[in-house]
Amino acid sequence: MKGTYLGEFEEIVLLAVGILGDDAYGVSIRKEIGTQTGRAVNIGAVHTAIHRLETKGYLKSTFGESTNIRGGKRKRLFFLTAAGLKALSRSRELRTQMWSQFPPILSKSKIV
């Protein structure tokens, strides 16, 4: 399982990339995660997760066109691979399976 396991933050990064589509680059991913989760996310954490996800084969990247807004610098755009989409699907299936087995009494009680 090691090497292909998705951590929570990695899963969130993959989901953000999927949501953003053709506009998924470091800063937009960070902003999307912040919007969706309400969490302040460090850009370094995003880049670290992206690197791990590329190493696992779940993301690929390409460079976009240069823009005047960025001083001629090109954005590195990310997109999900088939393996990344499959990993997200497995993660969702596992969570659904486990939630379906969660005792109803616990889900209704206040656990401290």
PDB file of N, CA and C in Angstrom:
ATOM      1  N   MET A   1       0.825  -1.188   0.000  1.00  0.00           N
ATOM      2  CA  MET A   1       0.000   0.000   0.000  1.00  0.00           C
ATOM      3  C   MET A   1       0.871   1.255   0.000  1.00  0.00           C
ATOM      4  N   LYS A   2       2.044   1.162   0.630  1.00  0.00           N
ATOM      5  CA  LYS A   2       2.922   2.319   0.645  1.00  0.00           C
ATOM      6  C   LYS A   2       3.333   2.682  -0.780  1.00  0.00           C
ATOM      7  N   GLY A   3       3.356   3.980  -1.051  1.00  0.00           N
ATOM      8  CA  GLY A   3       3.726   4.428  -2.380  1.00  0.00           C
ATOM      9  C   GLY A   3       2.514   4.816  -3.208  1.00  0.00           C
ATOM     10  N   THR A   4       1.409   4.106  -3.010  1.00  0.00           N
ATOM     11  CA  THR A   4       0.198   4.434  -3.758  1.00  0.00           C
ATOM     12  C   THR A   4      -0.894   4.983  -2.854  1.00  0.00           C
ATOM     13  N   TYR A   5      -0.713   4.880  -1.550  1.00  0.00           N
ATOM     14  CA  TYR A   5      -1.684   5.381  -0.594  1.00  0.00           C
ATOM     15  C   TYR A   5      -1.824   6.894  -0.734  1.00  0.00           C
ATOM     16  N   LEU A   6      -3.064   7.373  -0.685  1.00  0.00           N
ATOM     17  CA  LEU A   6      -3.317   8.816  -0.728  1.00  0.00           C
ATOM     18  C   LEU A   6      -3.529   9.344   0.681  1.00  0.00           C
ATOM     19  N   GLY A   7      -2.714  10.294   1.077  1.00  0.00           N
ATOM     20  CA  GLY A   7      -2.950  10.983   2.326  1.00  0.00           C
ATOM     21  C   GLY A   7      -4.091  11.970   2.130  1.00  0.00           C
ATOM     22  N   GLU A   8      -4.634  12.485   3.225  1.00  0.00           N
ATOM     23  CA  GLU A   8      -5.764  13.417   3.136  1.00  0.00           C
ATOM     24  C   GLU A   8      -5.427  14.632   2.272  1.00  0.00           C
ATOM     25  N   PHE A   9      -4.273  15.246   2.505  1.00  0.00           N
ATOM     26  CA  PHE A   9      -3.927  16.446   1.756  1.00  0.00           C
ATOM     27  C   PHE A   9      -3.691  16.128   0.280  1.00  0.00           C
ATOM     28  N   GLU A  10      -3.078  14.982   0.004  1.00  0.00           N
ATOM     29  CA  GLU A  10      -2.879  14.585  -1.387  1.00  0.00           C
ATOM     30  C   GLU A  10      -4.223  14.409  -2.090  1.00  0.00           C
ATOM     31  N   GLU A  11      -5.161  13.799  -1.405  1.00  0.00           N
ATOM     32  CA  GLU A  11      -6.499  13.617  -1.975  1.00  0.00           C
ATOM     33  C   GLU A  11      -7.147  14.969  -2.266  1.00  0.00           C
ATOM     34  N   ILE A  12      -7.008  15.895  -1.350  1.00  0.00           N
ATOM     35  CA  ILE A  12      -7.578  17.235  -1.534  1.00  0.00           C
ATOM     36  C   ILE A  12      -6.911  17.942  -2.716  1.00  0.00           C
ATOM     37  N   VAL A  13      -5.604  17.787  -2.858  1.00  0.00           N
ATOM     38  CA  VAL A  13      -4.896  18.396  -3.996  1.00  0.00           C
ATOM     39  C   VAL A  13      -5.402  17.801  -5.306  1.00  0.00           C
ATOM     40  N   LEU A  14      -5.545  16.488  -5.375  1.00  0.00           N
ATOM     41  CA  LEU A  14      -6.055  15.855  -6.590  1.00  0.00           C
ATOM     42  C   LEU A  14      -7.469  16.338  -6.916  1.00  0.00           C
ATOM     43  N   LEU A  15      -8.298  16.451  -5.888  1.00  0.00           N
ATOM     44  CA  LEU A  15      -9.657  16.940  -6.110  1.00  0.00           C
ATOM     45  C   LEU A  15      -9.646  18.375  -6.632  1.00  0.00           C
ATOM     46  N   ALA A  16      -8.790  19.218  -6.064  1.00  0.00           N
ATOM     47  CA  ALA A  16      -8.689  20.610  -6.524  1.00  0.00           C
ATOM     48  C   ALA A  16      -8.228  20.673  -7.980  1.00  0.00           C
ATOM     49  N   VAL A  17      -7.259  19.842  -8.343  1.00  0.00           N
ATOM     50  CA  VAL A  17      -6.787  19.804  -9.735  1.00  0.00           C
ATOM     51  C   VAL A  17      -7.937  19.418 -10.655  1.00  0.00           C
ATOM     52  N   GLY A  18      -8.718  18.421 -10.259  1.00  0.00           N
ATOM     53  CA  GLY A  18      -9.859  18.011 -11.063  1.00  0.00           C
ATOM     54  C   GLY A  18     -10.900  19.105 -11.205  1.00  0.00           C
ATOM     55  N   ILE A  19     -11.168  19.823 -10.127  1.00  0.00           N
ATOM     56  CA  ILE A  19     -12.145  20.914 -10.142  1.00  0.00           C
ATOM     57  C   ILE A  19     -11.668  22.040 -11.055  1.00  0.00           C
ATOM     58  N   LEU A  20     -10.383  22.365 -10.978  1.00  0.00           N
ATOM     59  CA  LEU A  20      -9.840  23.499 -11.734  1.00  0.00           C
ATOM     60  C   LEU A  20      -9.658  23.214 -13.225  1.00  0.00           C
ATOM     61  N   GLY A  21      -9.552  21.966 -13.590  1.00  0.00           N
ATOM     62  CA  GLY A  21      -9.403  21.616 -15.005  1.00  0.00           C
ATOM     63  C   GLY A  21      -8.160  22.236 -15.618  1.00  0.00           C
ATOM     64  N   ASP A  22      -8.345  22.983 -16.719  1.00  0.00           N
ATOM     65  CA  ASP A  22      -7.218  23.562 -17.455  1.00  0.00           C
ATOM     66  C   ASP A  22      -6.539  24.722 -16.737  1.00  0.00           C
ATOM     67  N   ASP A  23      -7.045  25.135 -15.589  1.00  0.00           N
ATOM     68  CA  ASP A  23      -6.459  26.258 -14.854  1.00  0.00           C
ATOM     69  C   ASP A  23      -5.802  25.808 -13.544  1.00  0.00           C
ATOM     70  N   ALA A  24      -5.359  24.547 -13.498  1.00  0.00           N
ATOM     71  CA  ALA A  24      -4.753  24.010 -12.283  1.00  0.00           C
ATOM     72  C   ALA A  24      -3.249  24.258 -12.271  1.00  0.00           C
ATOM     73  N   TYR A  25      -2.825  25.268 -11.534  1.00  0.00           N
ATOM     74  CA  TYR A  25      -1.405  25.549 -11.312  1.00  0.00           C
ATOM     75  C   TYR A  25      -1.241  25.836  -9.830  1.00  0.00           C
ATOM     76  N   GLY A  26      -0.025  25.909  -9.345  1.00  0.00           N
ATOM     77  CA  GLY A  26       0.239  25.987  -7.907  1.00  0.00           C
ATOM     78  C   GLY A  26      -0.643  26.944  -7.135  1.00  0.00           C
ATOM     79  N   VAL A  27      -0.678  28.207  -7.540  1.00  0.00           N
ATOM     80  CA  VAL A  27      -1.431  29.219  -6.794  1.00  0.00           C
ATOM     81  C   VAL A  27      -2.929  28.970  -6.875  1.00  0.00           C
ATOM     82  N   SER A  28      -3.433  28.582  -8.046  1.00  0.00           N
ATOM     83  CA  SER A  28      -4.873  28.340  -8.164  1.00  0.00           C
ATOM     84  C   SER A  28      -5.292  27.119  -7.341  1.00  0.00           C
ATOM     85  N   ILE A  29      -4.416  26.109  -7.257  1.00  0.00           N
ATOM     86  CA  ILE A  29      -4.700  24.933  -6.437  1.00  0.00           C
ATOM     87  C   ILE A  29      -4.768  25.342  -4.976  1.00  0.00           C
ATOM     88  N   ARG A  30      -3.801  26.145  -4.527  1.00  0.00           N
ATOM     89  CA  ARG A  30      -3.802  26.624  -3.136  1.00  0.00           C
ATOM     90  C   ARG A  30      -5.081  27.389  -2.829  1.00  0.00           C
ATOM     91  N   LYS A  31      -5.482  28.275  -3.736  1.00  0.00           N
ATOM     92  CA  LYS A  31      -6.699  29.069  -3.526  1.00  0.00           C
ATOM     93  C   LYS A  31      -7.937  28.184  -3.489  1.00  0.00           C
ATOM     94  N   GLU A  32      -8.016  27.215  -4.380  1.00  0.00           N
ATOM     95  CA  GLU A  32      -9.179  26.317  -4.428  1.00  0.00           C
ATOM     96  C   GLU A  32      -9.289  25.508  -3.141  1.00  0.00           C
ATOM     97  N   ILE A  33      -8.169  25.029  -2.650  1.00  0.00           N
ATOM     98  CA  ILE A  33      -8.174  24.276  -1.392  1.00  0.00           C
ATOM     99  C   ILE A  33      -8.654  25.174  -0.256  1.00  0.00           C
ATOM    100  N   GLY A  34      -8.158  26.403  -0.219  1.00  0.00           N
ATOM    101  CA  GLY A  34      -8.604  27.344   0.810  1.00  0.00           C
ATOM    102  C   GLY A  34     -10.097  27.614   0.735  1.00  0.00           C
ATOM    103  N   THR A  35     -10.602  27.808  -0.476  1.00  0.00           N
ATOM    104  CA  THR A  35     -12.032  28.066  -0.671  1.00  0.00           C
ATOM    105  C   THR A  35     -12.867  26.866  -0.243  1.00  0.00           C
ATOM    106  N   GLN A  36     -12.457  25.689  -0.654  1.00  0.00           N
ATOM    107  CA  GLN A  36     -13.241  24.482  -0.381  1.00  0.00           C
ATOM    108  C   GLN A  36     -13.177  24.036   1.079  1.00  0.00           C
ATOM    109  N   THR A  37     -12.029  24.228   1.724  1.00  0.00           N
ATOM    110  CA  THR A  37     -11.848  23.694   3.080  1.00  0.00           C
ATOM    111  C   THR A  37     -11.885  24.754   4.173  1.00  0.00           C
ATOM    112  N   GLY A  38     -11.688  26.009   3.793  1.00  0.00           N
ATOM    113  CA  GLY A  38     -11.593  27.061   4.805  1.00  0.00           C
ATOM    114  C   GLY A  38     -10.256  27.049   5.528  1.00  0.00           C
ATOM    115  N   ARG A  39      -9.304  26.282   5.011  1.00  0.00           N
ATOM    116  CA  ARG A  39      -7.982  26.181   5.630  1.00  0.00           C
ATOM    117  C   ARG A  39      -6.996  27.076   4.889  1.00  0.00           C
ATOM    118  N   ALA A  40      -6.131  27.738   5.639  1.00  0.00           N
ATOM    119  CA  ALA A  40      -5.038  28.489   5.029  1.00  0.00           C
ATOM    120  C   ALA A  40      -3.954  27.482   4.665  1.00  0.00           C
ATOM    121  N   VAL A  41      -3.565  27.459   3.403  1.00  0.00           N
ATOM    122  CA  VAL A  41      -2.613  26.458   2.927  1.00  0.00           C
ATOM    123  C   VAL A  41      -1.348  27.149   2.443  1.00  0.00           C
ATOM    124  N   ASN A  42      -0.222  26.635   2.875  1.00  0.00           N
ATOM    125  CA  ASN A  42       1.080  27.149   2.466  1.00  0.00           C
ATOM    126  C   ASN A  42       1.389  26.653   1.058  1.00  0.00           C
ATOM    127  N   ILE A  43       1.851  27.536   0.179  1.00  0.00           N
ATOM    128  CA  ILE A  43       2.158  27.156  -1.203  1.00  0.00           C
ATOM    129  C   ILE A  43       3.241  26.083  -1.247  1.00  0.00           C
ATOM    130  N   GLY A  44       4.159  26.102  -0.293  1.00  0.00           N
ATOM    131  CA  GLY A  44       5.200  25.072  -0.231  1.00  0.00           C
ATOM    132  C   GLY A  44       4.605  23.693   0.003  1.00  0.00           C
ATOM    133  N   ALA A  45       3.574  23.605   0.827  1.00  0.00           N
ATOM    134  CA  ALA A  45       2.904  22.330   1.080  1.00  0.00           C
ATOM    135  C   ALA A  45       2.231  21.824  -0.191  1.00  0.00           C
ATOM    136  N   VAL A  46       1.649  22.741  -0.946  1.00  0.00           N
ATOM    137  CA  VAL A  46       1.009  22.371  -2.212  1.00  0.00           C
ATOM    138  C   VAL A  46       2.062  21.822  -3.179  1.00  0.00           C
ATOM    139  N   HIS A  47       3.177  22.514  -3.313  1.00  0.00           N
ATOM    140  CA  HIS A  47       4.228  22.069  -4.235  1.00  0.00           C
ATOM    141  C   HIS A  47       4.813  20.722  -3.808  1.00  0.00           C
ATOM    142  N   THR A  48       4.965  20.507  -2.514  1.00  0.00           N
ATOM    143  CA  THR A  48       5.473  19.224  -2.016  1.00  0.00           C
ATOM    144  C   THR A  48       4.506  18.097  -2.363  1.00  0.00           C
ATOM    145  N   ALA A  49       3.213  18.337  -2.141  1.00  0.00           N
ATOM    146  CA  ALA A  49       2.203  17.322  -2.466  1.00  0.00           C
ATOM    147  C   ALA A  49       2.160  17.056  -3.964  1.00  0.00           C
ATOM    148  N   ILE A  50       2.225  18.120  -4.756  1.00  0.00           N
ATOM    149  CA  ILE A  50       2.218  17.969  -6.215  1.00  0.00           C
ATOM    150  C   ILE A  50       3.399  17.105  -6.659  1.00  0.00           C
ATOM    151  N   HIS A  51       4.564  17.359  -6.102  1.00  0.00           N
ATOM    152  CA  HIS A  51       5.747  16.573  -6.464  1.00  0.00           C
ATOM    153  C   HIS A  51       5.534  15.092  -6.128  1.00  0.00           C
ATOM    154  N   ARG A  52       5.011  14.809  -4.936  1.00  0.00           N
ATOM    155  CA  ARG A  52       4.750  13.418  -4.548  1.00  0.00           C
ATOM    156  C   ARG A  52       3.741  12.772  -5.489  1.00  0.00           C
ATOM    157  N   LEU A  53       2.703  13.524  -5.857  1.00  0.00           N
ATOM    158  CA  LEU A  53       1.654  12.991  -6.726  1.00  0.00           C
ATOM    159  C   LEU A  53       2.170  12.746  -8.142  1.00  0.00           C
ATOM    160  N   GLU A  54       3.079  13.586  -8.599  1.00  0.00           N
ATOM    161  CA  GLU A  54       3.708  13.338  -9.908  1.00  0.00           C
ATOM    162  C   GLU A  54       4.581  12.082  -9.843  1.00  0.00           C
ATOM    163  N   THR A  55       5.314  11.921  -8.750  1.00  0.00           N
ATOM    164  CA  THR A  55       6.168  10.746  -8.573  1.00  0.00           C
ATOM    165  C   THR A  55       5.335   9.469  -8.561  1.00  0.00           C
ATOM    166  N   LYS A  56       4.156   9.525  -7.948  1.00  0.00           N
ATOM    167  CA  LYS A  56       3.257   8.372  -7.907  1.00  0.00           C
ATOM    168  C   LYS A  56       2.560   8.129  -9.244  1.00  0.00           C
ATOM    169  N   GLY A  57       2.652   9.093 -10.153  1.00  0.00           N
ATOM    170  CA  GLY A  57       2.012   8.957 -11.455  1.00  0.00           C
ATOM    171  C   GLY A  57       0.568   9.418 -11.480  1.00  0.00           C
ATOM    172  N   TYR A  58       0.146  10.157 -10.459  1.00  0.00           N
ATOM    173  CA  TYR A  58      -1.243  10.609 -10.356  1.00  0.00           C
ATOM    174  C   TYR A  58      -1.475  11.970 -11.007  1.00  0.00           C
ATOM    175  N   LEU A  59      -0.408  12.716 -11.210  1.00  0.00           N
ATOM    176  CA  LEU A  59      -0.478  14.014 -11.887  1.00  0.00           C
ATOM    177  C   LEU A  59       0.590  14.070 -12.974  1.00  0.00           C
ATOM    178  N   LYS A  60       0.303  14.837 -13.994  1.00  0.00           N
ATOM    179  CA  LYS A  60       1.285  15.194 -15.030  1.00  0.00           C
ATOM    180  C   LYS A  60       1.249  16.707 -15.133  1.00  0.00           C
ATOM    181  N   SER A  61       2.280  17.278 -15.731  1.00  0.00           N
ATOM    182  CA  SER A  61       2.297  18.729 -15.877  1.00  0.00           C
ATOM    183  C   SER A  61       2.799  19.126 -17.259  1.00  0.00           C
ATOM    184  N   THR A  62       2.462  20.333 -17.606  1.00  0.00           N
ATOM    185  CA  THR A  62       2.917  20.936 -18.846  1.00  0.00           C
ATOM    186  C   THR A  62       3.028  22.434 -18.586  1.00  0.00           C
ATOM    187  N   PHE A  63       3.773  23.119 -19.422  1.00  0.00           N
ATOM    188  CA  PHE A  63       3.888  24.564 -19.255  1.00  0.00           C
ATOM    189  C   PHE A  63       2.895  25.269 -20.167  1.00  0.00           C
ATOM    190  N   GLY A  64       2.204  26.266 -19.601  1.00  0.00           N
ATOM    191  CA  GLY A  64       1.286  27.092 -20.376  1.00  0.00           C
ATOM    192  C   GLY A  64       2.056  28.173 -21.109  1.00  0.00           C
ATOM    193  N   GLU A  65       1.330  29.023 -21.769  1.00  0.00           N
ATOM    194  CA  GLU A  65       1.932  30.137 -22.502  1.00  0.00           C
ATOM    195  C   GLU A  65       2.430  31.204 -21.529  1.00  0.00           C
ATOM    196  N   SER A  66       3.432  31.958 -21.918  1.00  0.00           N
ATOM    197  CA  SER A  66       3.917  33.061 -21.090  1.00  0.00           C
ATOM    198  C   SER A  66       2.916  34.208 -21.174  1.00  0.00           C
ATOM    199  N   THR A  67       2.838  34.964 -20.085  1.00  0.00           N
ATOM    200  CA  THR A  67       1.909  36.102 -20.039  1.00  0.00           C
ATOM    201  C   THR A  67       2.640  37.342 -19.532  1.00  0.00           C
ATOM    202  N   ASN A  68       2.159  38.503 -19.931  1.00  0.00           N
ATOM    203  CA  ASN A  68       2.726  39.760 -19.441  1.00  0.00           C
ATOM    204  C   ASN A  68       2.472  39.940 -17.954  1.00  0.00           C
ATOM    205  N   ILE A  69       1.335  39.444 -17.487  1.00  0.00           N
ATOM    206  CA  ILE A  69       0.987  39.568 -16.069  1.00  0.00           C
ATOM    207  C   ILE A  69       2.039  38.906 -15.189  1.00  0.00           C
ATOM    208  N   ARG A  70       2.604  37.817 -15.672  1.00  0.00           N
ATOM    209  CA  ARG A  70       3.621  37.076 -14.912  1.00  0.00           C
ATOM    210  C   ARG A  70       5.024  37.443 -15.355  1.00  0.00           C
ATOM    211  N   GLY A  71       5.172  38.566 -16.034  1.00  0.00           N
ATOM    212  CA  GLY A  71       6.491  39.003 -16.478  1.00  0.00           C
ATOM    213  C   GLY A  71       7.110  38.073 -17.500  1.00  0.00           C
ATOM    214  N   GLY A  72       6.288  37.456 -18.313  1.00  0.00           N
ATOM    215  CA  GLY A  72       6.776  36.544 -19.336  1.00  0.00           C
ATOM    216  C   GLY A  72       6.979  35.119 -18.850  1.00  0.00           C
ATOM    217  N   LYS A  73       6.745  34.895 -17.563  1.00  0.00           N
ATOM    218  CA  LYS A  73       6.942  33.571 -16.990  1.00  0.00           C
ATOM    219  C   LYS A  73       5.738  32.678 -17.306  1.00  0.00           C
ATOM    220  N   ARG A  74       6.019  31.416 -17.623  1.00  0.00           N
ATOM    221  CA  ARG A  74       4.947  30.476 -17.944  1.00  0.00           C
ATOM    222  C   ARG A  74       4.465  29.749 -16.688  1.00  0.00           C
ATOM    223  N   LYS A  75       3.165  29.448 -16.643  1.00  0.00           N
ATOM    224  CA  LYS A  75       2.602  28.679 -15.538  1.00  0.00           C
ATOM    225  C   LYS A  75       2.848  27.200 -15.803  1.00  0.00           C
ATOM    226  N   ARG A  76       3.113  26.473 -14.736  1.00  0.00           N
ATOM    227  CA  ARG A  76       3.191  25.019 -14.833  1.00  0.00           C
ATOM    228  C   ARG A  76       1.803  24.490 -14.497  1.00  0.00           C
ATOM    229  N   LEU A  77       1.152  23.931 -15.485  1.00  0.00           N
ATOM    230  CA  LEU A  77      -0.218  23.453 -15.343  1.00  0.00           C
ATOM    231  C   LEU A  77      -0.230  21.956 -15.045  1.00  0.00           C
ATOM    232  N   PHE A  78      -1.149  21.549 -14.175  1.00  0.00           N
ATOM    233  CA  PHE A  78      -1.234  20.156 -13.749  1.00  0.00           C
ATOM    234  C   PHE A  78      -2.560  19.551 -14.177  1.00  0.00           C
ATOM    235  N   PHE A  79      -2.536  18.257 -14.447  1.00  0.00           N
ATOM    236  CA  PHE A  79      -3.762  17.556 -14.766  1.00  0.00           C
ATOM    237  C   PHE A  79      -3.698  16.133 -14.228  1.00  0.00           C
ATOM    238  N   LEU A  80      -4.875  15.576 -13.953  1.00  0.00           N
ATOM    239  CA  LEU A  80      -4.980  14.219 -13.436  1.00  0.00           C
ATOM    240  C   LEU A  80      -4.630  13.212 -14.527  1.00  0.00           C
ATOM    241  N   THR A  81      -3.974  12.146 -14.130  1.00  0.00           N
ATOM    242  CA  THR A  81      -3.746  11.027 -15.036  1.00  0.00           C
ATOM    243  C   THR A  81      -4.861  10.004 -14.779  1.00  0.00           C
ATOM    244  N   ALA A  82      -4.924   8.994 -15.615  1.00  0.00           N
ATOM    245  CA  ALA A  82      -5.897   7.919 -15.392  1.00  0.00           C
ATOM    246  C   ALA A  82      -5.641   7.256 -14.039  1.00  0.00           C
ATOM    247  N   ALA A  83      -4.369   7.102 -13.675  1.00  0.00           N
ATOM    248  CA  ALA A  83      -4.030   6.506 -12.377  1.00  0.00           C
ATOM    249  C   ALA A  83      -4.475   7.407 -11.227  1.00  0.00           C
ATOM    250  N   GLY A  84      -4.375   8.722 -11.403  1.00  0.00           N
ATOM    251  CA  GLY A  84      -4.822   9.655 -10.375  1.00  0.00           C
ATOM    252  C   GLY A  84      -6.319   9.601 -10.174  1.00  0.00           C
ATOM    253  N   LEU A  85      -7.055   9.524 -11.268  1.00  0.00           N
ATOM    254  CA  LEU A  85      -8.509   9.411 -11.190  1.00  0.00           C
ATOM    255  C   LEU A  85      -8.907   8.096 -10.536  1.00  0.00           C
ATOM    256  N   LYS A  86      -8.182   7.033 -10.849  1.00  0.00           N
ATOM    257  CA  LYS A  86      -8.450   5.729 -10.242  1.00  0.00           C
ATOM    258  C   LYS A  86      -8.156   5.756  -8.737  1.00  0.00           C
ATOM    259  N   ALA A  87      -7.078   6.427  -8.347  1.00  0.00           N
ATOM    260  CA  ALA A  87      -6.740   6.538  -6.928  1.00  0.00           C
ATOM    261  C   ALA A  87      -7.824   7.299  -6.170  1.00  0.00           C
ATOM    262  N   LEU A  88      -8.345   8.363  -6.776  1.00  0.00           N
ATOM    263  CA  LEU A  88      -9.440   9.107  -6.148  1.00  0.00           C
ATOM    264  C   LEU A  88     -10.684   8.236  -6.008  1.00  0.00           C
ATOM    265  N   SER A  89     -10.969   7.475  -7.030  1.00  0.00           N
ATOM    266  CA  SER A  89     -12.127   6.590  -7.012  1.00  0.00           C
ATOM    267  C   SER A  89     -11.988   5.526  -5.923  1.00  0.00           C
ATOM    268  N   ARG A  90     -10.799   4.926  -5.816  1.00  0.00           N
ATOM    269  CA  ARG A  90     -10.549   3.932  -4.761  1.00  0.00           C
ATOM    270  C   ARG A  90     -10.708   4.552  -3.383  1.00  0.00           C
ATOM    271  N   SER A  91     -10.213   5.770  -3.213  1.00  0.00           N
ATOM    272  CA  SER A  91     -10.314   6.451  -1.932  1.00  0.00           C
ATOM    273  C   SER A  91     -11.778   6.684  -1.558  1.00  0.00           C
ATOM    274  N   ARG A  92     -12.565   7.141  -2.523  1.00  0.00           N
ATOM    275  CA  ARG A  92     -13.992   7.379  -2.276  1.00  0.00           C
ATOM    276  C   ARG A  92     -14.706   6.068  -1.949  1.00  0.00           C
ATOM    277  N   GLU A  93     -14.399   5.012  -2.688  1.00  0.00           N
ATOM    278  CA  GLU A  93     -15.025   3.712  -2.439  1.00  0.00           C
ATOM    279  C   GLU A  93     -14.703   3.193  -1.043  1.00  0.00           C
ATOM    280  N   LEU A  94     -13.442   3.332  -0.626  1.00  0.00           N
ATOM    281  CA  LEU A  94     -13.037   2.877   0.703  1.00  0.00           C
ATOM    282  C   LEU A  94     -13.785   3.643   1.783  1.00  0.00           C
ATOM    283  N   ARG A  95     -13.853   4.964   1.635  1.00  0.00           N
ATOM    284  CA  ARG A  95     -14.567   5.780   2.632  1.00  0.00           C
ATOM    285  C   ARG A  95     -16.047   5.406   2.688  1.00  0.00           C
ATOM    286  N   THR A  96     -16.661   5.223   1.528  1.00  0.00           N
ATOM    287  CA  THR A  96     -18.078   4.857   1.476  1.00  0.00           C
ATOM    288  C   THR A  96     -18.305   3.504   2.131  1.00  0.00           C
ATOM    289  N   GLN A  97     -17.431   2.550   1.822  1.00  0.00           N
ATOM    290  CA  GLN A  97     -17.534   1.214   2.409  1.00  0.00           C
ATOM    291  C   GLN A  97     -17.424   1.280   3.930  1.00  0.00           C
ATOM    292  N   MET A  98     -16.451   2.025   4.409  1.00  0.00           N
ATOM    293  CA  MET A  98     -16.248   2.104   5.856  1.00  0.00           C
ATOM    294  C   MET A  98     -17.389   2.851   6.543  1.00  0.00           C
ATOM    295  N   TRP A  99     -17.877   3.937   5.938  1.00  0.00           N
ATOM    296  CA  TRP A  99     -19.005   4.662   6.527  1.00  0.00           C
ATOM    297  C   TRP A  99     -20.252   3.784   6.582  1.00  0.00           C
ATOM    298  N   SER A 100     -20.437   2.924   5.590  1.00  0.00           N
ATOM    299  CA  SER A 100     -21.617   2.058   5.573  1.00  0.00           C
ATOM    300  C   SER A 100     -21.581   1.050   6.721  1.00  0.00           C
ATOM    301  N   GLN A 101     -20.402   0.789   7.272  1.00  0.00           N
ATOM    302  CA  GLN A 101     -20.255  -0.160   8.373  1.00  0.00           C
ATOM    303  C   GLN A 101     -20.187   0.526   9.738  1.00  0.00           C
ATOM    304  N   PHE A 102     -20.216   1.833   9.737  1.00  0.00           N
ATOM    305  CA  PHE A 102     -20.124   2.596  10.975  1.00  0.00           C
ATOM    306  C   PHE A 102     -21.417   2.385  11.766  1.00  0.00           C
ATOM    307  N   PRO A 103     -21.329   1.976  13.024  1.00  0.00           N
ATOM    308  CA  PRO A 103     -22.542   1.732  13.806  1.00  0.00           C
ATOM    309  C   PRO A 103     -23.411   2.993  13.911  1.00  0.00           C
ATOM    310  N   PRO A 104     -24.681   2.871  13.559  1.00  0.00           N
ATOM    311  CA  PRO A 104     -25.579   4.041  13.580  1.00  0.00           C
ATOM    312  C   PRO A 104     -25.627   4.721  14.945  1.00  0.00           C
ATOM    313  N   ILE A 105     -25.530   3.958  15.997  1.00  0.00           N
ATOM    314  CA  ILE A 105     -25.608   4.544  17.342  1.00  0.00           C
ATOM    315  C   ILE A 105     -24.464   5.517  17.582  1.00  0.00           C
ATOM    316  N   LEU A 106     -23.267   5.211  17.029  1.00  0.00           N
ATOM    317  CA  LEU A 106     -22.123   6.102  17.192  1.00  0.00           C
ATOM    318  C   LEU A 106     -22.271   7.373  16.383  1.00  0.00           C
ATOM    319  N   SER A 107     -22.860   7.263  15.213  1.00  0.00           N
ATOM    320  CA  SER A 107     -22.995   8.456  14.363  1.00  0.00           C
ATOM    321  C   SER A 107     -24.014   9.437  14.918  1.00  0.00           C
ATOM    322  N   LYS A 108     -24.896   8.966  15.832  1.00  0.00           N
ATOM    323  CA  LYS A 108     -25.909   9.831  16.416  1.00  0.00           C
ATOM    324  C   LYS A 108     -25.525  10.328  17.808  1.00  0.00           C
ATOM    325  N   SER A 109     -24.526   9.725  18.408  1.00  0.00           N
ATOM    326  CA  SER A 109     -24.142  10.109  19.760  1.00  0.00           C
ATOM    327  C   SER A 109     -23.036  11.165  19.735  1.00  0.00           C
ATOM    328  N   LYS A 110     -22.877  11.784  20.871  1.00  0.00           N
ATOM    329  CA  LYS A 110     -21.811  12.776  21.023  1.00  0.00           C
ATOM    330  C   LYS A 110     -20.608  12.068  21.634  1.00  0.00           C
ATOM    331  N   ILE A 111     -19.596  11.866  20.800  1.00  0.00           N
ATOM    332  CA  ILE A 111     -18.390  11.192  21.255  1.00  0.00           C
ATOM    333  C   ILE A 111     -17.371  12.252  21.641  1.00  0.00           C
ATOM    334  N   VAL A 112     -16.794  12.061  22.807  1.00  0.00           N
ATOM    335  CA  VAL A 112     -15.803  13.015  23.292  1.00  0.00           C
ATOM    336  C   VAL A 112     -14.439  12.424  23.183  1.00  0.00           C
TER     337      VAL A 112
END
